[in-house]
Each structure stands twice: as structure tokens, then as C-alpha cells.
Amino acid sequence: MRLGSRPAALGLLLLCLAAAGAGDAEELHYPQGEHRSDYDREALLGGQEEVDEYVKLSPEEQHKRLKSIIQKIDLDSDGFLTESELSSWIQMSFKHYAMQEAKQQFVEYDKNNDGSVSWDEYNIQMYDRVIDFDENTALDDAEEESFRQLHLKDKKRFEKANQDSSPGLNLEEFIAFEHPEEVDYMTEFVIQEALEEHDKNGDGFVSLEEFLGDYRRDPTANEDPEWILVEKDRFLNDYDKDNDGRLDPQELLSWVVPNNQGIAQEEALHLIDEMDLNSDRKLSEAEILENQDLFLTSEATDYGRQLHDEYFYHDEL
């Protein structure tokens, strides 16, 4: 099948925007390396409407809801928040909002409201048309071929998420499709997909050279560029746990799946470093309320969004 330029361009545009947008966001978030807490509120509360909602809460109501959240984070009810408790709460928050987003998407994708999302409905929502590629026929145009590969990967993931052989995905299966890292039965698929993409010699592992992709050092350069040095450091110190110079399937999983645990631990440590006034490496309610603005512009409260979500501040979680 010969694909028109629009969907191919759209697929590549999304990839480019993701890469470029990440850099722009980083610059806005940390101009000259300095953290902008107001950016957190503007960009991460979910939009201007949520920011306006936050501002409308009275200080008393903010205080009340924040205290309720603190009590829920404090799993052992000893009056203090430890690194472990903060990290667990932040990870739970990540998962909650990922699931909420997937549920909203499910409603948008289910065009005929029959309680399932078909592959055709997914295509219509994503590309305004049903797209069908021949798996065995490559396209001549490089951009179209790149999009074909991405589209076929999506289709394989869609089929893997479908467990009951019905023509569409129910809500649980749709969540597995959108967030395979959160569902156990998708783990093997995620690993195999990563191996197919990166394991060029077919030995079941990903070497440093395969990890770096098509990079080749400029023969006129004395050393690798900074980004390559960073990637090499990540490979050696973050992913290659057994130091054998290659990533096995489980190590590969830690690379290709977002490491929310690591992000959560880093944020928990950051909060303790900034807010622990008596150096006991844990946070009391008084210390948090003393630094309320910092806590409300952190991932511990999803940048304040939890104050507007009864799931978090209501008596029953």
C-alpha cells in the first residue's frame, strides 16, 4: 500500500515534537540551571484551568487538604514521612494519573460506545482514517517506511494486549496497550520488542555499541561528544548491573520502561534535603507546613493537583 504523506508526516512530527519539546521544557523549567517552581504549577497542574482552581482554594482549605494527604503518606502513622513512604506515595500517584488518563482516552477512542476499542477506532482517533500496511512490503520513501514500522509496532502491541480474542480492547486491555509497563502479561512483549529493535546480532543481549545505535565517532575528533559520554555512563552505571558489558533482558527492561521508582526516590530525597530542618532524615507535619510551597510544587502532591482530587485528600483512599 502506498501511504499519503499526511499520516507519515504526522508520525514523524510527533517524534520530532517529543524530542524538541523535551528540550524546550527543560529550558523553561530550569533556566540557567535554576529551578522555576511557578513553571511546575503552570505546566504540571494540567493547564490554566487547574492553576486557576489552585489559586481559588483558601489558605485554610489548602492547609486542611494538605494535612489529609500528609496523614495518608505516613503509612505507619508515627507522625513522620520517611524517604520510603514519600517514594511509595509518589509512585502510586504516577500510576493513578496514568490510569486516569488511559480511562479518558478509552472513552474518546470508543467511537461507537460499545465498551471496546477496535483497531479501526484506534486508527481513526489517531490519524482520522483507517491505515493498513503490508507487513512484508517495505515502502520506498524513507519517511513513509519509518512510519510504517512504527504503525506495525503499535498493531503488534494492540494484538498482544487483546487477551480474549474479541475484535477490540476492553478497558483493562486498553490500559495494557497504553501502559504495557504497568501490566505483568505485557512484560515479555516489551522485552522482545526492544530486542528486535536494538539486538542487531541476534544474541539476545544489547551491547554498548547496539545501545548507542548508529553513532560513530568523528575520526577528526579527540573524544566523544558530551551526550555520548552521558549515554555511556548510563549504560555502565545504571543499566548494566552485572558489569558484563551487555544488557540481558531484565537489564534491558530497566532501560526501555520508564523508571518511576528511580524518579520517585530522587524526588523523595530532594524533599528531605530541602525540608528536613532538624537533620533527622524524615519530615514532620510541621516541617512540611513550614515549607508548604515547596511541597506543593513537587511530585509528592503532583505539583498541587492532588489538592483538587478527592482520591488523595478524601478520608478514604
C-alpha atoms as a PDB file:
ATOM      1  CA  MET A   1       0.000   0.000   0.000  1.00  0.00           C
ATOM      2  CA  ARG A   2       1.237   3.475  -0.831  1.00  0.00           C
ATOM      3  CA  LEU A   3       0.562   5.840   2.051  1.00  0.00           C
ATOM      4  CA  GLY A   4      -0.164   9.513   1.528  1.00  0.00           C
ATOM      5  CA  SER A   5       2.259  11.970   3.067  1.00  0.00           C
ATOM      6  CA  ARG A   6      -0.061  13.242   5.782  1.00  0.00           C
ATOM      7  CA  PRO A   7      -0.032  10.290   8.220  1.00  0.00           C
ATOM      8  CA  ALA A   8       3.672   9.658   7.665  1.00  0.00           C
ATOM      9  CA  ALA A   9       4.467  13.281   8.290  1.00  0.00           C
ATOM     10  CA  LEU A  10       2.236  13.222  11.353  1.00  0.00           C
ATOM     11  CA  GLY A  11       4.052  10.232  12.840  1.00  0.00           C
ATOM     12  CA  LEU A  12       7.468  11.784  12.319  1.00  0.00           C
ATOM     13  CA  LEU A  13       6.224  15.167  13.501  1.00  0.00           C
ATOM     14  CA  LEU A  14       5.072  13.630  16.774  1.00  0.00           C
ATOM     15  CA  LEU A  15       8.504  12.117  17.300  1.00  0.00           C
ATOM     16  CA  CYS A  16      10.257  15.390  16.484  1.00  0.00           C
ATOM     17  CA  LEU A  17       7.963  17.393  18.731  1.00  0.00           C
ATOM     18  CA  ALA A  18       8.546  14.967  21.570  1.00  0.00           C
ATOM     19  CA  ALA A  19      12.304  15.392  21.265  1.00  0.00           C
ATOM     20  CA  ALA A  20      12.271  19.141  20.681  1.00  0.00           C
ATOM     21  CA  GLY A  21       9.568  19.735  23.258  1.00  0.00           C
ATOM     22  CA  ALA A  22      11.576  17.936  25.908  1.00  0.00           C
ATOM     23  CA  GLY A  23      14.483  20.295  25.355  1.00  0.00           C
ATOM     24  CA  ASP A  24      12.273  23.395  25.350  1.00  0.00           C
ATOM     25  CA  ALA A  25      10.511  22.261  28.515  1.00  0.00           C
ATOM     26  CA  GLU A  26      13.822  21.645  30.254  1.00  0.00           C
ATOM     27  CA  GLU A  27      14.992  25.168  29.411  1.00  0.00           C
ATOM     28  CA  LEU A  28      11.760  26.696  30.681  1.00  0.00           C
ATOM     29  CA  HIS A  29      11.783  24.540  33.804  1.00  0.00           C
ATOM     30  CA  TYR A  30      15.457  25.162  34.673  1.00  0.00           C
ATOM     31  CA  PRO A  31      16.560  28.440  33.013  1.00  0.00           C
ATOM     32  CA  GLN A  32      20.320  28.838  33.557  1.00  0.00           C
ATOM     33  CA  GLY A  33      20.095  25.751  35.764  1.00  0.00           C
ATOM     34  CA  GLU A  34      17.788  27.425  38.317  1.00  0.00           C
ATOM     35  CA  HIS A  35      14.524  25.684  39.243  1.00  0.00           C
ATOM     36  CA  ARG A  36      11.341  27.610  38.433  1.00  0.00           C
ATOM     37  CA  SER A  37       8.608  26.433  40.811  1.00  0.00           C
ATOM     38  CA  ASP A  38       5.949  28.529  39.054  1.00  0.00           C
ATOM     39  CA  TYR A  39       6.647  26.530  35.884  1.00  0.00           C
ATOM     40  CA  ASP A  40       5.680  23.389  37.814  1.00  0.00           C
ATOM     41  CA  ARG A  41       2.336  24.894  38.681  1.00  0.00           C
ATOM     42  CA  GLU A  42       1.681  26.271  35.206  1.00  0.00           C
ATOM     43  CA  ALA A  43       2.776  23.220  33.225  1.00  0.00           C
ATOM     44  CA  LEU A  44       2.115  20.319  35.558  1.00  0.00           C
ATOM     45  CA  LEU A  45      -1.140  21.137  37.291  1.00  0.00           C
ATOM     46  CA  GLY A  46      -2.673  20.136  33.993  1.00  0.00           C
ATOM     47  CA  GLY A  47      -3.399  23.504  32.409  1.00  0.00           C
ATOM     48  CA  GLN A  48      -4.506  27.043  33.154  1.00  0.00           C
ATOM     49  CA  GLU A  49      -7.899  25.887  34.423  1.00  0.00           C
ATOM     50  CA  GLU A  50      -6.241  23.753  37.107  1.00  0.00           C
ATOM     51  CA  VAL A  51      -3.886  26.594  38.032  1.00  0.00           C
ATOM     52  CA  ASP A  52      -6.865  28.919  38.468  1.00  0.00           C
ATOM     53  CA  GLU A  53      -8.571  26.285  40.638  1.00  0.00           C
ATOM     54  CA  TYR A  54      -5.485  26.039  42.823  1.00  0.00           C
ATOM     55  CA  VAL A  55      -5.366  29.792  43.344  1.00  0.00           C
ATOM     56  CA  LYS A  56      -9.059  29.874  44.308  1.00  0.00           C
ATOM     57  CA  LEU A  57      -8.565  27.488  47.245  1.00  0.00           C
ATOM     58  CA  SER A  58      -8.455  29.405  50.500  1.00  0.00           C
ATOM     59  CA  PRO A  59      -5.279  29.031  52.602  1.00  0.00           C
ATOM     60  CA  GLU A  60      -7.366  27.237  55.204  1.00  0.00           C
ATOM     61  CA  GLU A  61      -8.694  24.710  52.672  1.00  0.00           C
ATOM     62  CA  GLN A  62      -5.205  24.184  51.221  1.00  0.00           C
ATOM     63  CA  HIS A  63      -3.930  23.569  54.748  1.00  0.00           C
ATOM     64  CA  LYS A  64      -6.741  21.117  55.537  1.00  0.00           C
ATOM     65  CA  ARG A  65      -6.307  19.077  52.356  1.00  0.00           C
ATOM     66  CA  LEU A  66      -2.534  19.061  52.646  1.00  0.00           C
ATOM     67  CA  LYS A  67      -2.703  17.707  56.197  1.00  0.00           C
ATOM     68  CA  SER A  68      -5.014  14.933  54.992  1.00  0.00           C
ATOM     69  CA  ILE A  69      -2.522  13.986  52.273  1.00  0.00           C
ATOM     70  CA  ILE A  70       0.369  14.003  54.775  1.00  0.00           C
ATOM     71  CA  GLN A  71      -1.544  11.574  57.007  1.00  0.00           C
ATOM     72  CA  LYS A  72      -2.075   9.200  54.082  1.00  0.00           C
ATOM     73  CA  ILE A  73       1.599   9.262  53.108  1.00  0.00           C
ATOM     74  CA  ASP A  74       2.516   8.385  56.712  1.00  0.00           C
ATOM     75  CA  LEU A  75       1.875   4.645  56.398  1.00  0.00           C
ATOM     76  CA  ASP A  76       2.971   3.710  59.916  1.00  0.00           C
ATOM     77  CA  SER A  77       1.201   6.726  61.496  1.00  0.00           C
ATOM     78  CA  ASP A  78       4.272   7.720  63.514  1.00  0.00           C
ATOM     79  CA  GLY A  79       3.958  11.406  62.600  1.00  0.00           C
ATOM     80  CA  PHE A  80       6.899  11.436  60.178  1.00  0.00           C
ATOM     81  CA  LEU A  81       7.359  10.901  56.451  1.00  0.00           C
ATOM     82  CA  THR A  82      10.371   8.794  55.516  1.00  0.00           C
ATOM     83  CA  GLU A  83      12.095   8.521  52.149  1.00  0.00           C
ATOM     84  CA  SER A  84      10.401   5.159  51.609  1.00  0.00           C
ATOM     85  CA  GLU A  85       6.928   6.492  52.421  1.00  0.00           C
ATOM     86  CA  LEU A  86       7.367   9.523  50.163  1.00  0.00           C
ATOM     87  CA  SER A  87       8.727   7.382  47.334  1.00  0.00           C
ATOM     88  CA  SER A  88       5.852   4.880  47.591  1.00  0.00           C
ATOM     89  CA  TRP A  89       3.286   7.678  47.569  1.00  0.00           C
ATOM     90  CA  ILE A  90       4.829   9.371  44.522  1.00  0.00           C
ATOM     91  CA  GLN A  91       4.903   6.065  42.613  1.00  0.00           C
ATOM     92  CA  MET A  92       1.249   5.485  43.484  1.00  0.00           C
ATOM     93  CA  SER A  93       0.438   8.984  42.250  1.00  0.00           C
ATOM     94  CA  PHE A  94       2.219   8.352  38.939  1.00  0.00           C
ATOM     95  CA  LYS A  95       0.232   5.175  38.388  1.00  0.00           C
ATOM     96  CA  HIS A  96      -3.081   6.729  39.415  1.00  0.00           C
ATOM     97  CA  TYR A  97      -2.847   9.566  36.924  1.00  0.00           C
ATOM     98  CA  ALA A  98      -1.579   7.286  34.147  1.00  0.00           C
ATOM     99  CA  MET A  99      -4.618   5.068  34.675  1.00  0.00           C
ATOM    100  CA  GLN A 100      -6.976   8.060  34.792  1.00  0.00           C
ATOM    101  CA  GLU A 101      -5.570   9.359  31.526  1.00  0.00           C
ATOM    102  CA  ALA A 102      -5.960   5.939  29.881  1.00  0.00           C
ATOM    103  CA  LYS A 103      -9.594   5.767  31.029  1.00  0.00           C
ATOM    104  CA  GLN A 104     -10.301   9.171  29.491  1.00  0.00           C
ATOM    105  CA  GLN A 105      -8.632   8.106  26.255  1.00  0.00           C
ATOM    106  CA  PHE A 106     -10.687   4.914  26.195  1.00  0.00           C
ATOM    107  CA  VAL A 107     -13.914   6.928  26.085  1.00  0.00           C
ATOM    108  CA  GLU A 108     -12.545   9.104  23.265  1.00  0.00           C
ATOM    109  CA  TYR A 109     -11.372   6.141  21.201  1.00  0.00           C
ATOM    110  CA  ASP A 110     -14.548   4.056  21.646  1.00  0.00           C
ATOM    111  CA  LYS A 111     -16.396   5.751  18.788  1.00  0.00           C
ATOM    112  CA  ASN A 112     -19.484   3.524  18.817  1.00  0.00           C
ATOM    113  CA  ASN A 113     -19.728   3.356  22.626  1.00  0.00           C
ATOM    114  CA  ASP A 114     -19.818  -0.440  22.712  1.00  0.00           C
ATOM    115  CA  GLY A 115     -17.374  -0.755  25.599  1.00  0.00           C
ATOM    116  CA  SER A 116     -14.365  -1.742  23.492  1.00  0.00           C
ATOM    117  CA  VAL A 117     -11.827  -0.043  21.242  1.00  0.00           C
ATOM    118  CA  SER A 118     -11.223  -1.714  17.896  1.00  0.00           C
ATOM    119  CA  TRP A 119      -8.057  -1.331  15.824  1.00  0.00           C
ATOM    120  CA  ASP A 120     -10.043   0.713  13.301  1.00  0.00           C
ATOM    121  CA  GLU A 121     -11.293   3.049  16.046  1.00  0.00           C
ATOM    122  CA  TYR A 122      -7.733   3.498  17.297  1.00  0.00           C
ATOM    123  CA  ASN A 123      -6.613   4.472  13.777  1.00  0.00           C
ATOM    124  CA  ILE A 124      -9.487   6.896  13.289  1.00  0.00           C
ATOM    125  CA  GLN A 125      -8.740   8.628  16.594  1.00  0.00           C
ATOM    126  CA  MET A 126      -5.018   8.825  15.879  1.00  0.00           C
ATOM    127  CA  TYR A 127      -4.938   9.501  12.139  1.00  0.00           C
ATOM    128  CA  ASP A 128      -8.522  10.359  11.084  1.00  0.00           C
ATOM    129  CA  ARG A 129      -8.564   7.293   8.841  1.00  0.00           C
ATOM    130  CA  VAL A 130      -8.023   3.538   8.919  1.00  0.00           C
ATOM    131  CA  ILE A 131      -4.465   2.654   7.912  1.00  0.00           C
ATOM    132  CA  ASP A 132      -3.422  -0.822   6.826  1.00  0.00           C
ATOM    133  CA  PHE A 133       0.129  -1.793   5.869  1.00  0.00           C
ATOM    134  CA  ASP A 134       1.505  -4.944   4.290  1.00  0.00           C
ATOM    135  CA  GLU A 135       3.862  -6.360   6.918  1.00  0.00           C
ATOM    136  CA  ASN A 136       6.145  -7.847   4.276  1.00  0.00           C
ATOM    137  CA  THR A 137       6.406  -4.910   1.871  1.00  0.00           C
ATOM    138  CA  ALA A 138       8.738  -2.028   2.647  1.00  0.00           C
ATOM    139  CA  LEU A 139       7.959   1.416   1.242  1.00  0.00           C
ATOM    140  CA  ASP A 140      10.379   3.298  -0.982  1.00  0.00           C
ATOM    141  CA  ASP A 141      10.002   6.635   0.752  1.00  0.00           C
ATOM    142  CA  ALA A 142      12.159   6.754   3.915  1.00  0.00           C
ATOM    143  CA  GLU A 143       9.662   8.785   5.948  1.00  0.00           C
ATOM    144  CA  GLU A 144       6.750   6.571   4.976  1.00  0.00           C
ATOM    145  CA  GLU A 145       8.765   3.441   5.750  1.00  0.00           C
ATOM    146  CA  SER A 146       9.681   4.833   9.168  1.00  0.00           C
ATOM    147  CA  PHE A 147       6.008   5.476   9.871  1.00  0.00           C
ATOM    148  CA  ARG A 148       5.079   2.004   8.587  1.00  0.00           C
ATOM    149  CA  GLN A 149       7.467   0.430  11.094  1.00  0.00           C
ATOM    150  CA  LEU A 150       6.033   2.490  13.971  1.00  0.00           C
ATOM    151  CA  HIS A 151       2.471   1.661  12.943  1.00  0.00           C
ATOM    152  CA  LEU A 152       3.188  -2.078  12.719  1.00  0.00           C
ATOM    153  CA  LYS A 153       4.743  -1.992  16.196  1.00  0.00           C
ATOM    154  CA  ASP A 154       1.593  -0.357  17.535  1.00  0.00           C
ATOM    155  CA  LYS A 155      -0.520  -3.041  15.878  1.00  0.00           C
ATOM    156  CA  LYS A 156       1.569  -5.850  17.432  1.00  0.00           C
ATOM    157  CA  ARG A 157       1.232  -4.245  20.860  1.00  0.00           C
ATOM    158  CA  PHE A 158      -2.519  -3.854  20.306  1.00  0.00           C
ATOM    159  CA  GLU A 159      -2.852  -7.541  19.405  1.00  0.00           C
ATOM    160  CA  LYS A 160      -0.745  -8.616  22.393  1.00  0.00           C
ATOM    161  CA  ALA A 161      -2.878  -6.546  24.767  1.00  0.00           C
ATOM    162  CA  ASN A 162      -6.017  -8.303  23.492  1.00  0.00           C
ATOM    163  CA  GLN A 163      -6.379 -11.352  25.731  1.00  0.00           C
ATOM    164  CA  ASP A 164      -9.911 -12.559  24.986  1.00  0.00           C
ATOM    165  CA  SER A 165      -9.772 -12.791  21.151  1.00  0.00           C
ATOM    166  CA  SER A 166     -12.624 -10.305  20.766  1.00  0.00           C
ATOM    167  CA  PRO A 167     -12.176  -7.777  17.942  1.00  0.00           C
ATOM    168  CA  GLY A 168     -11.469  -4.888  20.305  1.00  0.00           C
ATOM    169  CA  LEU A 169      -9.853  -3.995  23.623  1.00  0.00           C
ATOM    170  CA  ASN A 170     -11.844  -3.638  26.816  1.00  0.00           C
ATOM    171  CA  LEU A 171     -10.741  -1.033  29.349  1.00  0.00           C
ATOM    172  CA  GLU A 172      -8.220  -3.290  31.123  1.00  0.00           C
ATOM    173  CA  GLU A 173      -6.710  -4.375  27.815  1.00  0.00           C
ATOM    174  CA  PHE A 174      -6.614  -0.784  26.569  1.00  0.00           C
ATOM    175  CA  ILE A 175      -4.641   0.182  29.685  1.00  0.00           C
ATOM    176  CA  ALA A 176      -2.237  -2.677  28.928  1.00  0.00           C
ATOM    177  CA  PHE A 177      -1.862  -1.323  25.384  1.00  0.00           C
ATOM    178  CA  GLU A 178      -1.236   2.275  26.501  1.00  0.00           C
ATOM    179  CA  HIS A 179       0.874   1.387  29.561  1.00  0.00           C
ATOM    180  CA  PRO A 180       2.430  -2.067  28.996  1.00  0.00           C
ATOM    181  CA  GLU A 181       4.959  -1.333  31.736  1.00  0.00           C
ATOM    182  CA  GLU A 182       2.134  -1.461  34.300  1.00  0.00           C
ATOM    183  CA  VAL A 183       0.808  -4.900  33.289  1.00  0.00           C
ATOM    184  CA  ASP A 184       2.650  -8.147  34.010  1.00  0.00           C
ATOM    185  CA  TYR A 185       1.451 -10.053  30.952  1.00  0.00           C
ATOM    186  CA  MET A 186       2.957  -7.375  28.665  1.00  0.00           C
ATOM    187  CA  THR A 187       6.470  -7.541  30.149  1.00  0.00           C
ATOM    188  CA  GLU A 188       7.788 -10.240  27.819  1.00  0.00           C
ATOM    189  CA  PHE A 189       6.381  -8.381  24.817  1.00  0.00           C
ATOM    190  CA  VAL A 190       8.132  -5.161  25.874  1.00  0.00           C
ATOM    191  CA  ILE A 191      11.435  -7.020  26.191  1.00  0.00           C
ATOM    192  CA  GLN A 192      11.100  -8.799  22.843  1.00  0.00           C
ATOM    193  CA  GLU A 193      10.128  -5.583  21.086  1.00  0.00           C
ATOM    194  CA  ALA A 194      13.233  -3.880  22.474  1.00  0.00           C
ATOM    195  CA  LEU A 195      15.449  -6.795  21.427  1.00  0.00           C
ATOM    196  CA  GLU A 196      14.034  -6.733  17.898  1.00  0.00           C
ATOM    197  CA  GLU A 197      14.908  -3.067  17.636  1.00  0.00           C
ATOM    198  CA  HIS A 198      18.325  -2.988  19.303  1.00  0.00           C
ATOM    199  CA  ASP A 199      19.816  -6.507  19.269  1.00  0.00           C
ATOM    200  CA  LYS A 200      21.380  -6.305  15.820  1.00  0.00           C
ATOM    201  CA  ASN A 201      23.460  -9.511  16.032  1.00  0.00           C
ATOM    202  CA  GLY A 202      20.628 -11.603  17.465  1.00  0.00           C
ATOM    203  CA  ASP A 203      22.479 -12.897  20.522  1.00  0.00           C
ATOM    204  CA  GLY A 204      19.683 -11.996  22.949  1.00  0.00           C
ATOM    205  CA  PHE A 205      21.613  -9.119  24.532  1.00  0.00           C
ATOM    206  CA  VAL A 206      22.223  -5.438  23.809  1.00  0.00           C
ATOM    207  CA  SER A 207      25.854  -4.396  23.719  1.00  0.00           C
ATOM    208  CA  LEU A 208      27.147  -0.868  24.307  1.00  0.00           C
ATOM    209  CA  GLU A 209      27.548  -0.406  20.560  1.00  0.00           C
ATOM    210  CA  GLU A 210      23.966  -1.540  19.959  1.00  0.00           C
ATOM    211  CA  PHE A 211      22.798   0.662  22.827  1.00  0.00           C
ATOM    212  CA  LEU A 212      24.357   3.717  21.156  1.00  0.00           C
ATOM    213  CA  GLY A 213      22.683   2.886  17.837  1.00  0.00           C
ATOM    214  CA  ASP A 214      24.136   4.354  14.661  1.00  0.00           C
ATOM    215  CA  TYR A 215      26.647   6.586  16.428  1.00  0.00           C
ATOM    216  CA  ARG A 216      30.177   6.532  15.051  1.00  0.00           C
ATOM    217  CA  ARG A 217      32.894   8.823  16.387  1.00  0.00           C
ATOM    218  CA  ASP A 218      34.086  11.549  14.056  1.00  0.00           C
ATOM    219  CA  PRO A 219      37.618  10.424  13.087  1.00  0.00           C
ATOM    220  CA  THR A 220      38.817  14.020  13.406  1.00  0.00           C
ATOM    221  CA  ALA A 221      37.517  14.368  16.983  1.00  0.00           C
ATOM    222  CA  ASN A 222      39.697  13.716  20.009  1.00  0.00           C
ATOM    223  CA  GLU A 223      36.829  12.473  22.160  1.00  0.00           C
ATOM    224  CA  ASP A 224      33.141  11.612  22.042  1.00  0.00           C
ATOM    225  CA  PRO A 225      30.543  14.389  22.332  1.00  0.00           C
ATOM    226  CA  GLU A 226      29.020  15.075  25.732  1.00  0.00           C
ATOM    227  CA  TRP A 227      25.737  13.292  25.019  1.00  0.00           C
ATOM    228  CA  ILE A 228      27.581  10.086  24.121  1.00  0.00           C
ATOM    229  CA  LEU A 229      29.581  10.262  27.350  1.00  0.00           C
ATOM    230  CA  VAL A 230      26.309  10.631  29.267  1.00  0.00           C
ATOM    231  CA  GLU A 231      24.759   7.643  27.466  1.00  0.00           C
ATOM    232  CA  LYS A 232      27.830   5.504  28.083  1.00  0.00           C
ATOM    233  CA  ASP A 233      27.715   6.385  31.768  1.00  0.00           C
ATOM    234  CA  ARG A 234      24.035   5.414  31.931  1.00  0.00           C
ATOM    235  CA  PHE A 235      24.784   2.098  30.232  1.00  0.00           C
ATOM    236  CA  LEU A 236      27.666   1.251  32.552  1.00  0.00           C
ATOM    237  CA  ASN A 237      26.357   2.571  35.859  1.00  0.00           C
ATOM    238  CA  ASP A 238      22.567   2.482  35.619  1.00  0.00           C
ATOM    239  CA  TYR A 239      21.630  -0.454  33.395  1.00  0.00           C
ATOM    240  CA  ASP A 240      24.488  -2.995  33.220  1.00  0.00           C
ATOM    241  CA  LYS A 241      24.027  -4.256  36.769  1.00  0.00           C
ATOM    242  CA  ASP A 242      26.290  -7.309  36.421  1.00  0.00           C
ATOM    243  CA  ASN A 243      29.053  -5.342  34.642  1.00  0.00           C
ATOM    244  CA  ASP A 244      29.378  -7.841  31.794  1.00  0.00           C
ATOM    245  CA  GLY A 245      29.328  -5.172  29.089  1.00  0.00           C
ATOM    246  CA  ARG A 246      25.879  -6.022  27.755  1.00  0.00           C
ATOM    247  CA  LEU A 247      22.236  -5.782  28.791  1.00  0.00           C
ATOM    248  CA  ASP A 248      20.344  -9.001  29.406  1.00  0.00           C
ATOM    249  CA  PRO A 249      16.515  -8.992  29.074  1.00  0.00           C
ATOM    250  CA  GLN A 250      15.877  -7.817  32.651  1.00  0.00           C
ATOM    251  CA  GLU A 251      18.520  -5.099  32.444  1.00  0.00           C
ATOM    252  CA  LEU A 252      17.068  -4.092  29.097  1.00  0.00           C
ATOM    253  CA  LEU A 253      13.670  -3.696  30.747  1.00  0.00           C
ATOM    254  CA  SER A 254      15.081  -1.100  33.154  1.00  0.00           C
ATOM    255  CA  TRP A 255      16.189   0.915  30.111  1.00  0.00           C
ATOM    256  CA  VAL A 256      13.106   0.760  27.895  1.00  0.00           C
ATOM    257  CA  VAL A 257      10.478   1.067  30.658  1.00  0.00           C
ATOM    258  CA  PRO A 258      10.214   4.422  32.454  1.00  0.00           C
ATOM    259  CA  ASN A 259      11.842   4.039  35.853  1.00  0.00           C
ATOM    260  CA  ASN A 260       9.215   5.669  38.032  1.00  0.00           C
ATOM    261  CA  GLN A 261      10.781   4.131  41.111  1.00  0.00           C
ATOM    262  CA  GLY A 262      14.071   5.927  40.493  1.00  0.00           C
ATOM    263  CA  ILE A 263      12.325   9.224  39.790  1.00  0.00           C
ATOM    264  CA  ALA A 264      10.218   8.859  42.927  1.00  0.00           C
ATOM    265  CA  GLN A 265      13.228   8.068  45.116  1.00  0.00           C
ATOM    266  CA  GLU A 266      15.117  11.036  43.719  1.00  0.00           C
ATOM    267  CA  GLU A 267      12.203  13.372  44.441  1.00  0.00           C
ATOM    268  CA  ALA A 268      11.771  11.947  47.945  1.00  0.00           C
ATOM    269  CA  LEU A 269      15.444  12.567  48.720  1.00  0.00           C
ATOM    270  CA  HIS A 270      15.208  16.070  47.262  1.00  0.00           C
ATOM    271  CA  LEU A 271      12.262  16.925  49.510  1.00  0.00           C
ATOM    272  CA  ILE A 272      14.020  15.631  52.611  1.00  0.00           C
ATOM    273  CA  ASP A 273      17.212  17.514  51.730  1.00  0.00           C
ATOM    274  CA  GLU A 274      15.275  20.759  51.295  1.00  0.00           C
ATOM    275  CA  MET A 275      12.706  20.495  54.092  1.00  0.00           C
ATOM    276  CA  ASP A 276      14.341  18.493  56.898  1.00  0.00           C
ATOM    277  CA  LEU A 277      15.033  21.272  59.417  1.00  0.00           C
ATOM    278  CA  ASN A 278      16.418  19.106  62.241  1.00  0.00           C
ATOM    279  CA  SER A 279      18.513  16.734  60.083  1.00  0.00           C
ATOM    280  CA  ASP A 280      16.766  13.542  61.215  1.00  0.00           C
ATOM    281  CA  ARG A 281      16.268  12.462  57.551  1.00  0.00           C
ATOM    282  CA  LYS A 282      12.480  12.441  57.818  1.00  0.00           C
ATOM    283  CA  LEU A 283       9.765  15.080  57.615  1.00  0.00           C
ATOM    284  CA  SER A 284       7.322  16.057  60.318  1.00  0.00           C
ATOM    285  CA  GLU A 285       3.987  17.683  59.559  1.00  0.00           C
ATOM    286  CA  ALA A 286       5.363  20.946  60.990  1.00  0.00           C
ATOM    287  CA  GLU A 287       8.368  20.863  58.634  1.00  0.00           C
ATOM    288  CA  ILE A 288       6.118  20.284  55.635  1.00  0.00           C
ATOM    289  CA  LEU A 289       3.708  23.055  56.571  1.00  0.00           C
ATOM    290  CA  GLU A 290       6.689  25.349  57.138  1.00  0.00           C
ATOM    291  CA  ASN A 291       7.723  24.644  53.541  1.00  0.00           C
ATOM    292  CA  GLN A 292       4.236  24.277  52.090  1.00  0.00           C
ATOM    293  CA  ASP A 293       5.014  25.989  48.775  1.00  0.00           C
ATOM    294  CA  LEU A 294       7.915  23.626  48.087  1.00  0.00           C
ATOM    295  CA  PHE A 295       5.787  20.579  48.879  1.00  0.00           C
ATOM    296  CA  LEU A 296       3.003  21.828  46.614  1.00  0.00           C
ATOM    297  CA  THR A 297       5.405  22.265  43.697  1.00  0.00           C
ATOM    298  CA  SER A 298       6.778  18.747  43.989  1.00  0.00           C
ATOM    299  CA  GLU A 299       5.837  15.330  42.674  1.00  0.00           C
ATOM    300  CA  ALA A 300       4.703  14.357  46.185  1.00  0.00           C
ATOM    301  CA  THR A 301       1.456  16.254  45.518  1.00  0.00           C
ATOM    302  CA  ASP A 302       1.728  16.038  41.717  1.00  0.00           C
ATOM    303  CA  TYR A 303       2.521  19.753  41.768  1.00  0.00           C
ATOM    304  CA  GLY A 304      -0.571  20.558  43.813  1.00  0.00           C
ATOM    305  CA  ARG A 305      -3.028  18.622  41.656  1.00  0.00           C
ATOM    306  CA  GLN A 306      -3.782  16.192  44.492  1.00  0.00           C
ATOM    307  CA  LEU A 307      -5.392  19.030  46.441  1.00  0.00           C
ATOM    308  CA  HIS A 308      -8.116  19.017  43.780  1.00  0.00           C
ATOM    309  CA  ASP A 309      -8.504  15.245  43.552  1.00  0.00           C
ATOM    310  CA  GLU A 310     -10.681  13.646  46.228  1.00  0.00           C
ATOM    311  CA  TYR A 311      -8.910  10.339  45.549  1.00  0.00           C
ATOM    312  CA  PHE A 312      -5.970  11.757  47.522  1.00  0.00           C
ATOM    313  CA  TYR A 313      -7.310  14.119  50.179  1.00  0.00           C
ATOM    314  CA  HIS A 314     -10.626  12.382  50.973  1.00  0.00           C
ATOM    315  CA  ASP A 315     -10.828  10.358  54.170  1.00  0.00           C
ATOM    316  CA  GLU A 316     -10.987   7.071  52.258  1.00  0.00           C
ATOM    317  CA  LEU A 317      -8.214   6.393  49.675  1.00  0.00           C
END
